[in-house]
Amino acid sequence: MFFLNHGGGVHLGDPVQLEMKLNGHAPTHTMRAGEVNFLPSNLPFSARCEGRSDFLLISLEPKFLACAAHGIGSQNRLELTPQIGLNDPLIHGLALALRAEVETGGASGPLYAETLATRLAVHVARKYSGQTLRCREESRGLAKYQLRRAIDFIHDHLSEDISLKAIAAAVGMSPFHFSRLFKRSTGASPHQYLLQCRTERAKQLLLQSSESIADVALRLGFCDQSHMTTHFKRAYGVTPKAFLRNAAVLGN
């Protein structure tokens, strides 16, 4: 069999013996929790496990991965090499985060999922292609006008489920290149920055309006009051309810 997309799996269970037949060879590897297999698209293979296996499957469209390589500066045709039994904590962590997002029905919004997928694609393209990618110079981040345009776009669409593609298009860049340069410029991913802006705006609205905490959360694009409370407490050290209580005491 073969994958139409670049794909593989993260092993989540107890150690199992995996026999993976590739290019006429069938080496056996003991897969341990957290280890990763990754295969290029259209590569014939067969696999057999001894014992129960528990794999989280991941899949990347060839076009998406090629765009990732191009977005970080590669002008060459991307060719991936098969990887069996990788110890790659980044792929492991991103795969688990994507699974959690799917299981919650995309509660964190498209920008979060796109950020995870983009980071995964760039990492795979850079680390597991058959050639060395010449990445663009990124030490200076976005130009000032580009950063201002991106920030203005985020603030103008603060309560919406904006996508990474939409923000990057407003700046005139590919999502892959933009995401990396934005973090270089601000110290935060586009999704983290969006949450920071929403949380700061929530603080202002709680002080200036009579809206309930739940209404403010929904107004600003949080999936619910609990979602906003989590990020509010992370930013300010108190829950929105405690913040309002403290503000009332100080006001008196």
C-alpha atoms as a PDB file:
ATOM      1  CA  MET A   1       0.000   0.000   0.000  1.00  0.00           C
ATOM      2  CA  PHE A   2       0.996   3.685  -0.089  1.00  0.00           C
ATOM      3  CA  PHE A   3      -0.132   7.081   1.197  1.00  0.00           C
ATOM      4  CA  LEU A   4      -1.526   9.607  -1.282  1.00  0.00           C
ATOM      5  CA  ASN A   5      -0.306  12.298   1.117  1.00  0.00           C
ATOM      6  CA  HIS A   6       2.920  12.440   3.067  1.00  0.00           C
ATOM      7  CA  GLY A   7       2.014  10.632   6.232  1.00  0.00           C
ATOM      8  CA  GLY A   8       2.926   8.592   9.197  1.00  0.00           C
ATOM      9  CA  GLY A   9       2.084   7.981  12.793  1.00  0.00           C
ATOM     10  CA  VAL A  10       3.063   8.766  16.352  1.00  0.00           C
ATOM     11  CA  HIS A  11       3.116   5.697  18.579  1.00  0.00           C
ATOM     12  CA  LEU A  12       1.172   6.298  21.789  1.00  0.00           C
ATOM     13  CA  GLY A  13       0.995   2.907  23.484  1.00  0.00           C
ATOM     14  CA  ASP A  14       3.259   0.272  24.975  1.00  0.00           C
ATOM     15  CA  PRO A  15       6.352  -0.854  23.024  1.00  0.00           C
ATOM     16  CA  VAL A  16       5.558  -2.992  19.954  1.00  0.00           C
ATOM     17  CA  GLN A  17       7.658  -4.765  17.353  1.00  0.00           C
ATOM     18  CA  LEU A  18       7.084  -3.135  13.972  1.00  0.00           C
ATOM     19  CA  GLU A  19       8.234  -4.681  10.719  1.00  0.00           C
ATOM     20  CA  MET A  20       8.202  -2.070   7.968  1.00  0.00           C
ATOM     21  CA  LYS A  21       8.949  -3.254   4.431  1.00  0.00           C
ATOM     22  CA  LEU A  22      10.397  -0.491   2.231  1.00  0.00           C
ATOM     23  CA  ASN A  23      12.305  -0.807  -1.054  1.00  0.00           C
ATOM     24  CA  GLY A  24      12.688  -4.545  -0.647  1.00  0.00           C
ATOM     25  CA  HIS A  25      14.005  -4.304   2.910  1.00  0.00           C
ATOM     26  CA  ALA A  26      12.006  -5.240   6.000  1.00  0.00           C
ATOM     27  CA  PRO A  27      13.834  -4.079   9.136  1.00  0.00           C
ATOM     28  CA  THR A  28      12.181  -4.612  12.530  1.00  0.00           C
ATOM     29  CA  HIS A  29      12.068  -1.784  15.031  1.00  0.00           C
ATOM     30  CA  THR A  30      10.733  -1.650  18.579  1.00  0.00           C
ATOM     31  CA  MET A  31       8.383   1.327  18.570  1.00  0.00           C
ATOM     32  CA  ARG A  32       8.177   3.122  21.898  1.00  0.00           C
ATOM     33  CA  ALA A  33       5.714   5.747  23.066  1.00  0.00           C
ATOM     34  CA  GLY A  34       6.356   9.070  21.356  1.00  0.00           C
ATOM     35  CA  GLU A  35       8.367   7.694  18.439  1.00  0.00           C
ATOM     36  CA  VAL A  36       7.347   8.709  14.935  1.00  0.00           C
ATOM     37  CA  ASN A  37       7.233   7.055  11.515  1.00  0.00           C
ATOM     38  CA  PHE A  38       7.007   9.347   8.491  1.00  0.00           C
ATOM     39  CA  LEU A  39       6.797   8.288   4.828  1.00  0.00           C
ATOM     40  CA  PRO A  40       6.708  10.268   1.565  1.00  0.00           C
ATOM     41  CA  SER A  41       3.583  10.078  -0.567  1.00  0.00           C
ATOM     42  CA  ASN A  42       3.244   7.321  -3.181  1.00  0.00           C
ATOM     43  CA  LEU A  43       5.960   5.191  -1.615  1.00  0.00           C
ATOM     44  CA  PRO A  44       4.935   1.491  -1.612  1.00  0.00           C
ATOM     45  CA  PHE A  45       5.288  -0.137   1.795  1.00  0.00           C
ATOM     46  CA  SER A  46       3.839  -2.775   4.069  1.00  0.00           C
ATOM     47  CA  ALA A  47       3.784  -2.881   7.860  1.00  0.00           C
ATOM     48  CA  ARG A  48       3.141  -5.521  10.482  1.00  0.00           C
ATOM     49  CA  CYS A  49       3.016  -5.170  14.270  1.00  0.00           C
ATOM     50  CA  GLU A  50       3.430  -7.847  16.905  1.00  0.00           C
ATOM     51  CA  GLY A  51       0.966  -7.034  19.641  1.00  0.00           C
ATOM     52  CA  ARG A  52      -1.503  -4.204  20.017  1.00  0.00           C
ATOM     53  CA  SER A  53      -0.471  -0.951  18.343  1.00  0.00           C
ATOM     54  CA  ASP A  54      -1.782   2.534  19.095  1.00  0.00           C
ATOM     55  CA  PHE A  55      -0.768   5.075  16.451  1.00  0.00           C
ATOM     56  CA  LEU A  56      -1.949   8.630  15.939  1.00  0.00           C
ATOM     57  CA  LEU A  57      -1.910   9.094  12.165  1.00  0.00           C
ATOM     58  CA  ILE A  58      -0.824  12.372  10.594  1.00  0.00           C
ATOM     59  CA  SER A  59      -1.145  13.435   6.958  1.00  0.00           C
ATOM     60  CA  LEU A  60       0.263  16.373   4.974  1.00  0.00           C
ATOM     61  CA  GLU A  61      -0.769  17.123   1.409  1.00  0.00           C
ATOM     62  CA  PRO A  62       2.246  17.256  -0.931  1.00  0.00           C
ATOM     63  CA  LYS A  63       1.188  20.693  -2.194  1.00  0.00           C
ATOM     64  CA  PHE A  64       0.919  22.017   1.374  1.00  0.00           C
ATOM     65  CA  LEU A  65       4.381  20.722   2.255  1.00  0.00           C
ATOM     66  CA  ALA A  66       5.858  22.066  -0.981  1.00  0.00           C
ATOM     67  CA  CYS A  67       4.374  25.489  -0.186  1.00  0.00           C
ATOM     68  CA  ALA A  68       5.948  25.297   3.259  1.00  0.00           C
ATOM     69  CA  ALA A  69       9.369  24.602   1.739  1.00  0.00           C
ATOM     70  CA  HIS A  70       8.932  27.408  -0.779  1.00  0.00           C
ATOM     71  CA  GLY A  71       7.699  29.758   1.950  1.00  0.00           C
ATOM     72  CA  ILE A  72      10.945  29.387   3.891  1.00  0.00           C
ATOM     73  CA  GLY A  73      13.098  29.939   0.838  1.00  0.00           C
ATOM     74  CA  SER A  74      13.584  26.608  -0.940  1.00  0.00           C
ATOM     75  CA  GLN A  75      13.615  26.824  -4.721  1.00  0.00           C
ATOM     76  CA  ASN A  76      14.186  23.103  -5.186  1.00  0.00           C
ATOM     77  CA  ARG A  77      11.749  20.235  -5.605  1.00  0.00           C
ATOM     78  CA  LEU A  78      11.006  18.817  -2.174  1.00  0.00           C
ATOM     79  CA  GLU A  79      11.948  15.189  -1.661  1.00  0.00           C
ATOM     80  CA  LEU A  80      11.351  13.532   1.687  1.00  0.00           C
ATOM     81  CA  THR A  81      13.255  10.537   2.968  1.00  0.00           C
ATOM     82  CA  PRO A  82      11.469   7.743   4.892  1.00  0.00           C
ATOM     83  CA  GLN A  83      11.839   7.948   8.664  1.00  0.00           C
ATOM     84  CA  ILE A  84      11.206   5.021  11.010  1.00  0.00           C
ATOM     85  CA  GLY A  85      11.330   5.239  14.800  1.00  0.00           C
ATOM     86  CA  LEU A  86      12.098   8.952  15.016  1.00  0.00           C
ATOM     87  CA  ASN A  87      12.529  10.555  18.394  1.00  0.00           C
ATOM     88  CA  ASP A  88      11.077  13.944  17.479  1.00  0.00           C
ATOM     89  CA  PRO A  89       9.364  15.700  20.409  1.00  0.00           C
ATOM     90  CA  LEU A  90       8.156  18.552  18.187  1.00  0.00           C
ATOM     91  CA  ILE A  91       6.208  16.289  15.796  1.00  0.00           C
ATOM     92  CA  HIS A  92       4.898  14.368  18.808  1.00  0.00           C
ATOM     93  CA  GLY A  93       3.714  17.515  20.573  1.00  0.00           C
ATOM     94  CA  LEU A  94       2.163  19.096  17.464  1.00  0.00           C
ATOM     95  CA  ALA A  95       0.327  15.877  16.586  1.00  0.00           C
ATOM     96  CA  LEU A  96      -1.161  15.661  20.094  1.00  0.00           C
ATOM     97  CA  ALA A  97      -2.174  19.334  19.974  1.00  0.00           C
ATOM     98  CA  LEU A  98      -3.884  18.839  16.604  1.00  0.00           C
ATOM     99  CA  ARG A  99      -5.709  15.769  17.911  1.00  0.00           C
ATOM    100  CA  ALA A 100      -6.935  17.727  20.928  1.00  0.00           C
ATOM    101  CA  GLU A 101      -8.189  20.482  18.638  1.00  0.00           C
ATOM    102  CA  VAL A 102     -10.095  17.975  16.504  1.00  0.00           C
ATOM    103  CA  GLU A 103     -11.606  16.345  19.597  1.00  0.00           C
ATOM    104  CA  THR A 104     -12.906  19.707  20.840  1.00  0.00           C
ATOM    105  CA  GLY A 105     -14.473  20.502  17.482  1.00  0.00           C
ATOM    106  CA  GLY A 106     -11.965  23.224  16.629  1.00  0.00           C
ATOM    107  CA  ALA A 107     -12.746  25.218  19.774  1.00  0.00           C
ATOM    108  CA  SER A 108      -9.602  27.358  19.529  1.00  0.00           C
ATOM    109  CA  GLY A 109     -10.448  28.536  16.014  1.00  0.00           C
ATOM    110  CA  PRO A 110      -8.875  28.148  12.562  1.00  0.00           C
ATOM    111  CA  LEU A 111      -5.885  30.369  13.324  1.00  0.00           C
ATOM    112  CA  TYR A 112      -4.703  27.969  16.030  1.00  0.00           C
ATOM    113  CA  ALA A 113      -5.081  24.850  13.875  1.00  0.00           C
ATOM    114  CA  GLU A 114      -3.414  26.534  10.901  1.00  0.00           C
ATOM    115  CA  THR A 115      -0.521  27.660  13.085  1.00  0.00           C
ATOM    116  CA  LEU A 116       0.032  24.098  14.310  1.00  0.00           C
ATOM    117  CA  ALA A 117      -0.194  22.608  10.812  1.00  0.00           C
ATOM    118  CA  THR A 118       2.121  25.260   9.376  1.00  0.00           C
ATOM    119  CA  ARG A 119       4.711  24.686  12.073  1.00  0.00           C
ATOM    120  CA  LEU A 120       4.538  20.933  11.464  1.00  0.00           C
ATOM    121  CA  ALA A 121       4.961  21.339   7.697  1.00  0.00           C
ATOM    122  CA  VAL A 122       7.910  23.722   8.017  1.00  0.00           C
ATOM    123  CA  HIS A 123       9.615  21.431  10.530  1.00  0.00           C
ATOM    124  CA  VAL A 124       9.214  18.350   8.330  1.00  0.00           C
ATOM    125  CA  ALA A 125      10.364  20.214   5.215  1.00  0.00           C
ATOM    126  CA  ARG A 126      13.463  21.566   6.931  1.00  0.00           C
ATOM    127  CA  LYS A 127      14.516  18.462   8.822  1.00  0.00           C
ATOM    128  CA  TYR A 128      13.510  15.460   6.719  1.00  0.00           C
ATOM    129  CA  SER A 129      13.927  16.479   3.103  1.00  0.00           C
ATOM    130  CA  GLY A 130      16.683  14.875   1.104  1.00  0.00           C
ATOM    131  CA  GLN A 131      18.422  18.194   0.532  1.00  0.00           C
ATOM    132  CA  THR A 132      19.515  21.144   2.633  1.00  0.00           C
ATOM    133  CA  LEU A 133      17.013  23.973   2.401  1.00  0.00           C
ATOM    134  CA  ARG A 134      18.377  27.474   2.068  1.00  0.00           C
ATOM    135  CA  CYS A 135      16.059  29.435   4.306  1.00  0.00           C
ATOM    136  CA  ARG A 136      15.418  33.127   3.848  1.00  0.00           C
ATOM    137  CA  GLU A 137      17.096  35.610   6.118  1.00  0.00           C
ATOM    138  CA  GLU A 138      14.740  36.238   9.037  1.00  0.00           C
ATOM    139  CA  SER A 139      16.853  38.026  11.628  1.00  0.00           C
ATOM    140  CA  ARG A 140      15.036  41.342  11.181  1.00  0.00           C
ATOM    141  CA  GLY A 141      11.488  39.996  11.074  1.00  0.00           C
ATOM    142  CA  LEU A 142       8.715  41.896   9.313  1.00  0.00           C
ATOM    143  CA  ALA A 143       9.186  45.399   7.987  1.00  0.00           C
ATOM    144  CA  LYS A 144       7.500  48.033  10.150  1.00  0.00           C
ATOM    145  CA  TYR A 145       4.724  48.658   7.628  1.00  0.00           C
ATOM    146  CA  GLN A 146       4.084  44.910   7.296  1.00  0.00           C
ATOM    147  CA  LEU A 147       3.878  44.452  11.057  1.00  0.00           C
ATOM    148  CA  ARG A 148       1.519  47.419  11.392  1.00  0.00           C
ATOM    149  CA  ARG A 149      -0.689  46.053   8.608  1.00  0.00           C
ATOM    150  CA  ALA A 150      -0.848  42.626  10.280  1.00  0.00           C
ATOM    151  CA  ILE A 151      -1.612  44.099  13.706  1.00  0.00           C
ATOM    152  CA  ASP A 152      -4.300  46.388  12.277  1.00  0.00           C
ATOM    153  CA  PHE A 153      -5.898  43.429  10.503  1.00  0.00           C
ATOM    154  CA  ILE A 154      -5.977  41.408  13.727  1.00  0.00           C
ATOM    155  CA  HIS A 155      -7.531  44.294  15.690  1.00  0.00           C
ATOM    156  CA  ASP A 156     -10.091  44.973  12.948  1.00  0.00           C
ATOM    157  CA  HIS A 157     -11.222  41.332  13.054  1.00  0.00           C
ATOM    158  CA  LEU A 158     -10.694  40.672  16.751  1.00  0.00           C
ATOM    159  CA  SER A 159     -13.987  38.864  17.349  1.00  0.00           C
ATOM    160  CA  GLU A 160     -13.905  36.806  14.146  1.00  0.00           C
ATOM    161  CA  ASP A 161     -12.508  33.364  13.390  1.00  0.00           C
ATOM    162  CA  ILE A 162      -9.727  34.810  11.255  1.00  0.00           C
ATOM    163  CA  SER A 163      -7.291  32.499   9.536  1.00  0.00           C
ATOM    164  CA  LEU A 164      -3.537  32.596   9.170  1.00  0.00           C
ATOM    165  CA  LYS A 165      -4.020  32.712   5.409  1.00  0.00           C
ATOM    166  CA  ALA A 166      -6.173  35.845   5.685  1.00  0.00           C
ATOM    167  CA  ILE A 167      -3.671  37.725   7.868  1.00  0.00           C
ATOM    168  CA  ALA A 168      -0.770  36.736   5.620  1.00  0.00           C
ATOM    169  CA  ALA A 169      -2.728  37.829   2.527  1.00  0.00           C
ATOM    170  CA  ALA A 170      -3.285  41.256   4.105  1.00  0.00           C
ATOM    171  CA  VAL A 171       0.496  41.588   4.328  1.00  0.00           C
ATOM    172  CA  GLY A 172       1.107  40.078   0.893  1.00  0.00           C
ATOM    173  CA  MET A 173       3.070  37.026   2.058  1.00  0.00           C
ATOM    174  CA  SER A 174       2.714  33.263   2.181  1.00  0.00           C
ATOM    175  CA  PRO A 175       1.326  31.928   5.491  1.00  0.00           C
ATOM    176  CA  PHE A 176       4.524  29.947   6.079  1.00  0.00           C
ATOM    177  CA  HIS A 177       6.892  32.876   5.675  1.00  0.00           C
ATOM    178  CA  PHE A 178       4.596  35.335   7.442  1.00  0.00           C
ATOM    179  CA  SER A 179       4.074  33.149  10.513  1.00  0.00           C
ATOM    180  CA  ARG A 180       7.800  32.838  11.136  1.00  0.00           C
ATOM    181  CA  LEU A 181       8.562  36.526  10.605  1.00  0.00           C
ATOM    182  CA  PHE A 182       5.619  37.635  12.745  1.00  0.00           C
ATOM    183  CA  LYS A 183       6.915  35.596  15.673  1.00  0.00           C
ATOM    184  CA  ARG A 184      10.392  36.992  15.064  1.00  0.00           C
ATOM    185  CA  SER A 185       8.960  40.518  15.277  1.00  0.00           C
ATOM    186  CA  THR A 186       6.586  40.117  18.217  1.00  0.00           C
ATOM    187  CA  GLY A 187       7.842  37.114  20.170  1.00  0.00           C
ATOM    188  CA  ALA A 188       4.435  35.463  19.756  1.00  0.00           C
ATOM    189  CA  SER A 189       2.737  33.368  17.091  1.00  0.00           C
ATOM    190  CA  PRO A 190      -0.221  35.035  15.309  1.00  0.00           C
ATOM    191  CA  HIS A 191      -2.607  32.929  17.393  1.00  0.00           C
ATOM    192  CA  GLN A 192      -0.897  33.848  20.676  1.00  0.00           C
ATOM    193  CA  TYR A 193      -0.958  37.512  19.686  1.00  0.00           C
ATOM    194  CA  LEU A 194      -4.668  37.303  18.838  1.00  0.00           C
ATOM    195  CA  LEU A 195      -5.376  35.841  22.288  1.00  0.00           C
ATOM    196  CA  GLN A 196      -3.319  38.583  23.940  1.00  0.00           C
ATOM    197  CA  CYS A 197      -5.327  41.247  22.106  1.00  0.00           C
ATOM    198  CA  ARG A 198      -8.643  39.609  22.964  1.00  0.00           C
ATOM    199  CA  THR A 199      -7.676  39.300  26.625  1.00  0.00           C
ATOM    200  CA  GLU A 200      -6.585  42.949  26.836  1.00  0.00           C
ATOM    201  CA  ARG A 201      -9.829  44.034  25.177  1.00  0.00           C
ATOM    202  CA  ALA A 202     -11.805  41.849  27.582  1.00  0.00           C
ATOM    203  CA  LYS A 203     -10.166  43.639  30.506  1.00  0.00           C
ATOM    204  CA  GLN A 204     -11.219  47.002  29.068  1.00  0.00           C
ATOM    205  CA  LEU A 205     -14.801  45.895  28.410  1.00  0.00           C
ATOM    206  CA  LEU A 206     -15.225  44.421  31.888  1.00  0.00           C
ATOM    207  CA  LEU A 207     -14.255  47.789  33.374  1.00  0.00           C
ATOM    208  CA  GLN A 208     -16.133  50.003  30.937  1.00  0.00           C
ATOM    209  CA  SER A 209     -19.374  48.136  30.230  1.00  0.00           C
ATOM    210  CA  SER A 210     -22.127  46.359  32.139  1.00  0.00           C
ATOM    211  CA  GLU A 211     -21.918  43.224  29.998  1.00  0.00           C
ATOM    212  CA  SER A 212     -21.605  39.889  31.759  1.00  0.00           C
ATOM    213  CA  ILE A 213     -18.361  37.917  31.628  1.00  0.00           C
ATOM    214  CA  ALA A 214     -20.027  35.331  29.382  1.00  0.00           C
ATOM    215  CA  ASP A 215     -21.257  38.015  26.968  1.00  0.00           C
ATOM    216  CA  VAL A 216     -17.819  39.627  26.779  1.00  0.00           C
ATOM    217  CA  ALA A 217     -16.260  36.235  26.059  1.00  0.00           C
ATOM    218  CA  LEU A 218     -18.615  35.539  23.161  1.00  0.00           C
ATOM    219  CA  ARG A 219     -18.362  39.098  21.846  1.00  0.00           C
ATOM    220  CA  LEU A 220     -14.569  38.808  21.572  1.00  0.00           C
ATOM    221  CA  GLY A 221     -14.453  35.426  19.854  1.00  0.00           C
ATOM    222  CA  PHE A 222     -13.661  33.159  22.795  1.00  0.00           C
ATOM    223  CA  CYS A 223     -15.523  29.872  22.509  1.00  0.00           C
ATOM    224  CA  ASP A 224     -17.068  30.347  25.980  1.00  0.00           C
ATOM    225  CA  GLN A 225     -16.571  31.995  29.378  1.00  0.00           C
ATOM    226  CA  SER A 226     -14.263  29.206  30.569  1.00  0.00           C
ATOM    227  CA  HIS A 227     -11.990  29.703  27.546  1.00  0.00           C
ATOM    228  CA  MET A 228     -11.671  33.419  28.261  1.00  0.00           C
ATOM    229  CA  THR A 229     -11.136  32.791  31.990  1.00  0.00           C
ATOM    230  CA  THR A 230      -8.214  30.486  31.261  1.00  0.00           C
ATOM    231  CA  HIS A 231      -6.380  33.077  29.165  1.00  0.00           C
ATOM    232  CA  PHE A 232      -7.383  35.999  31.387  1.00  0.00           C
ATOM    233  CA  LYS A 233      -5.942  34.297  34.465  1.00  0.00           C
ATOM    234  CA  ARG A 234      -2.794  33.380  32.562  1.00  0.00           C
ATOM    235  CA  ALA A 235      -2.305  37.020  31.569  1.00  0.00           C
ATOM    236  CA  TYR A 236      -3.322  38.808  34.778  1.00  0.00           C
ATOM    237  CA  GLY A 237      -3.039  36.203  37.524  1.00  0.00           C
ATOM    238  CA  VAL A 238      -6.731  36.390  38.488  1.00  0.00           C
ATOM    239  CA  THR A 239     -10.022  35.264  37.003  1.00  0.00           C
ATOM    240  CA  PRO A 240     -12.337  37.857  35.395  1.00  0.00           C
ATOM    241  CA  LYS A 241     -14.709  37.512  38.372  1.00  0.00           C
ATOM    242  CA  ALA A 242     -11.897  38.186  40.855  1.00  0.00           C
ATOM    243  CA  PHE A 243     -10.664  41.056  38.692  1.00  0.00           C
ATOM    244  CA  LEU A 244     -14.100  42.710  38.792  1.00  0.00           C
ATOM    245  CA  ARG A 245     -14.388  42.147  42.532  1.00  0.00           C
ATOM    246  CA  ASN A 246     -10.968  43.749  43.116  1.00  0.00           C
ATOM    247  CA  ALA A 247     -11.854  46.652  40.829  1.00  0.00           C
ATOM    248  CA  ALA A 248     -15.065  47.260  42.767  1.00  0.00           C
ATOM    249  CA  VAL A 249     -13.182  47.316  46.076  1.00  0.00           C
ATOM    250  CA  LEU A 250     -10.607  49.744  44.734  1.00  0.00           C
ATOM    251  CA  GLY A 251     -13.383  51.889  43.266  1.00  0.00           C
ATOM    252  CA  ASN A 252     -14.928  52.221  46.691  1.00  0.00           C
END
